[in-house]
Structure formats: C-alpha cells, structure tokens
Amino acid sequence: QKRIACLAMPLAVDRLSALLTCSSMNQFEALNKSAFIPVGMAVQVVWTILFVLSGSIEGAKSDSFDRLGAQLLFNFVWPISLFQSGTILFAFIWPVILLLLILITTVLFYRIYKPAGHLMLSYLIWATFARYLNFPFIC
C-alpha cells in the first residue's frame, strides 16, 4: 500500500498541477524564453518521469514520506503562483524554498536508502534547471 501511495502522490500532483495551469500555456508561449528551454511537451515528460522516480523509492521511512509530501506540495503551488497568481515576488521566493526542500529530501533519502537519494538527485538537478529557465519570467 505504501508503495502505491508513494507512486500515486507525485503523479497526482503532476497531473493536477498540469491541469490547473494548462489554460496559461498561451501566456507562457508569449513570454520571452531562454534559448535553453526544451521544446514542446519535453518539459512535461521529464517532470512525469522524475515524479515516477521519486515515487518509486523503496525503503523510505514514514518521516521521509512526509518530507516527500511537503516538497511535492511546494512543487504543486509553484507553477500556479507563476502562471496564475501574477505575484512575481511570491513566484521568485517560492522556488528557493522548494529547492531547499528537495535538497533536504534528497539528503534524508540518501541517509535512509542510498538508491533513493541517487534517484532524488536527478529531480534536484532538473528542478534547479527548471528554476533557471523560469528566472527571466519573474525578473
């Protein structure tokens, strides 16, 4: 049951976030974007893969599951704050907190179960890259 919940939670966050922000994609396309931004659905595909990887972690204790939930909540709110709220300061500060939570979760998972920590590294790297790509939108 816990394995199913660990996999379902990140995927549910991913899908719900995509659903809530899909109406903002026209606004996103009109933005002046970095030349490094991946094309089309590549961003969504990478996020989905990373959420599957983060959810497939075995051997995590219940407190690490709570940490995963906390950083997933922050990850869920971030695109909504950027694309829907129009609150630039919030959209600037929120990803910093999110990256710290992902880092803490990665370290915690690594201490509990090293393969889980390694899986989280790819998530941390992508989240850092995604925040870099989105920096021009909030400045």
Protein backbone atom coordinates (compact mmCIF):
# COMPACT_ATOMS: atom_id res chain seq x y z
CA GLN A 1 0.00 0.00 0.00
CA LYS A 2 2.77 2.41 0.87
CA ARG A 3 4.48 1.79 -2.50
CA ILE A 4 1.26 2.62 -4.31
CA ALA A 5 0.80 5.81 -2.26
CA CYS A 6 4.44 6.84 -2.84
CA LEU A 7 3.93 6.46 -6.59
CA ALA A 8 0.39 7.85 -6.78
CA MET A 9 1.08 11.01 -4.77
CA PRO A 10 3.74 12.53 -7.09
CA LEU A 11 1.79 11.57 -10.20
CA ALA A 12 -1.40 13.10 -8.81
CA VAL A 13 0.49 16.31 -8.00
CA ASP A 14 1.96 16.35 -11.52
CA ARG A 15 -1.38 15.82 -13.27
CA LEU A 16 -3.35 18.25 -11.10
CA SER A 17 -0.72 20.96 -11.49
CA ALA A 18 -0.71 20.48 -15.27
CA LEU A 19 -4.50 20.60 -15.35
CA LEU A 20 -4.67 23.82 -13.31
CA THR A 21 -2.04 25.61 -15.39
CA CYS A 22 -2.88 24.35 -18.90
CA SER A 23 -5.01 27.45 -19.58
CA SER A 24 -1.87 29.55 -19.02
CA MET A 25 0.11 27.97 -21.83
CA ASN A 26 -0.83 30.76 -24.27
CA GLN A 27 0.55 33.25 -21.76
CA PHE A 28 3.68 31.08 -21.42
CA GLU A 29 4.20 30.92 -25.19
CA ALA A 30 4.10 34.73 -25.37
CA LEU A 31 6.91 35.12 -22.82
CA ASN A 32 10.49 35.87 -23.79
CA LYS A 33 12.06 32.48 -23.03
CA SER A 34 15.61 31.29 -22.61
CA ALA A 35 17.22 29.66 -25.66
CA PHE A 36 17.84 26.59 -23.48
CA ILE A 37 14.18 25.84 -22.84
CA PRO A 38 13.19 22.35 -24.06
CA VAL A 39 10.66 22.19 -26.87
CA GLY A 40 7.00 21.24 -26.67
CA MET A 41 5.95 18.55 -24.24
CA ALA A 42 9.54 17.65 -23.29
CA VAL A 43 9.26 19.57 -20.02
CA GLN A 44 6.09 17.74 -19.01
CA VAL A 45 7.58 14.36 -19.99
CA VAL A 46 10.69 14.99 -17.88
CA TRP A 47 8.61 16.09 -14.87
CA THR A 48 6.45 12.97 -15.16
CA ILE A 49 9.50 10.71 -15.32
CA LEU A 50 11.04 12.44 -12.32
CA PHE A 51 7.82 12.16 -10.33
CA VAL A 52 7.67 8.43 -11.12
CA LEU A 53 11.29 8.05 -10.00
CA SER A 54 10.71 9.99 -6.78
CA GLY A 55 7.59 7.96 -6.07
CA SER A 56 9.24 4.60 -6.75
CA ILE A 57 11.55 4.90 -3.78
CA GLU A 58 11.65 1.77 -1.69
CA GLY A 59 12.89 1.55 1.88
CA ALA A 60 11.88 5.08 2.85
CA LYS A 61 10.60 5.51 6.38
CA SER A 62 7.34 7.29 7.16
CA ASP A 63 9.08 10.57 8.07
CA SER A 64 10.77 10.68 4.66
CA PHE A 65 7.38 10.08 3.02
CA ASP A 66 6.15 13.19 4.87
CA ARG A 67 9.12 15.16 3.55
CA LEU A 68 8.36 13.98 0.02
CA GLY A 69 4.79 15.21 0.53
CA ALA A 70 5.97 18.63 1.75
CA GLN A 71 8.23 19.30 -1.21
CA LEU A 72 5.58 17.96 -3.61
CA LEU A 73 3.11 20.47 -2.15
CA PHE A 74 5.61 23.26 -2.79
CA ASN A 75 6.21 21.93 -6.30
CA PHE A 76 2.46 21.87 -6.93
CA VAL A 77 1.97 25.51 -5.87
CA TRP A 78 4.94 26.91 -7.77
CA PRO A 79 3.59 26.82 -11.37
CA ILE A 80 0.24 28.11 -10.17
CA SER A 81 1.97 31.03 -8.45
CA LEU A 82 3.99 31.79 -11.57
CA PHE A 83 1.33 31.37 -14.25
CA GLN A 84 -1.92 32.14 -12.48
CA SER A 85 -1.45 34.43 -9.49
CA GLY A 86 0.67 37.07 -11.18
CA THR A 87 2.51 37.56 -7.89
CA ILE A 88 6.08 37.95 -9.07
CA LEU A 89 7.74 38.17 -5.64
CA PHE A 90 5.95 35.02 -4.47
CA ALA A 91 6.93 33.21 -7.67
CA PHE A 92 10.55 34.27 -7.08
CA ILE A 93 10.82 33.22 -3.42
CA TRP A 94 8.75 30.01 -3.62
CA PRO A 95 11.21 28.08 -5.87
CA VAL A 96 14.07 28.84 -3.48
CA ILE A 97 12.11 27.21 -0.66
CA LEU A 98 11.18 24.33 -2.98
CA LEU A 99 14.81 23.69 -3.93
CA LEU A 100 15.78 23.64 -0.25
CA LEU A 101 13.02 21.12 0.46
CA ILE A 102 14.13 18.93 -2.44
CA LEU A 103 17.71 19.10 -1.18
CA ILE A 104 16.63 18.15 2.36
CA THR A 105 14.51 15.30 0.99
CA THR A 106 17.42 14.09 -1.16
CA VAL A 107 19.82 14.08 1.82
CA LEU A 108 17.25 12.40 4.05
CA PHE A 109 16.52 9.71 1.45
CA TYR A 110 20.24 9.17 0.87
CA ARG A 111 20.77 8.59 4.60
CA ILE A 112 17.88 6.14 4.79
CA TYR A 113 18.36 4.33 1.46
CA LYS A 114 21.21 5.38 -0.86
CA PRO A 115 19.50 4.40 -4.16
CA ALA A 116 16.59 6.64 -3.17
CA GLY A 117 18.98 9.54 -2.65
CA HIS A 118 20.51 8.91 -6.06
CA LEU A 119 17.07 8.96 -7.69
CA MET A 120 16.30 12.26 -5.99
CA LEU A 121 19.50 13.82 -7.39
CA SER A 122 18.04 13.80 -10.89
CA TYR A 123 14.94 15.54 -9.52
CA LEU A 124 17.07 18.15 -7.73
CA ILE A 125 19.13 18.82 -10.85
CA TRP A 126 16.05 19.17 -13.09
CA ALA A 127 14.24 21.40 -10.57
CA THR A 128 17.31 23.64 -10.41
CA PHE A 129 17.46 23.78 -14.22
CA ALA A 130 13.71 24.50 -14.43
CA ARG A 131 14.06 27.39 -11.99
CA TYR A 132 16.96 28.74 -14.05
CA LEU A 133 14.82 28.58 -17.20
CA ASN A 134 11.96 30.37 -15.47
CA PHE A 135 14.12 33.12 -13.95
CA PRO A 136 13.58 35.53 -16.90
CA PHE A 137 9.79 35.25 -16.45
CA ILE A 138 9.89 36.65 -12.93
CA CYS A 139 12.51 39.37 -13.36
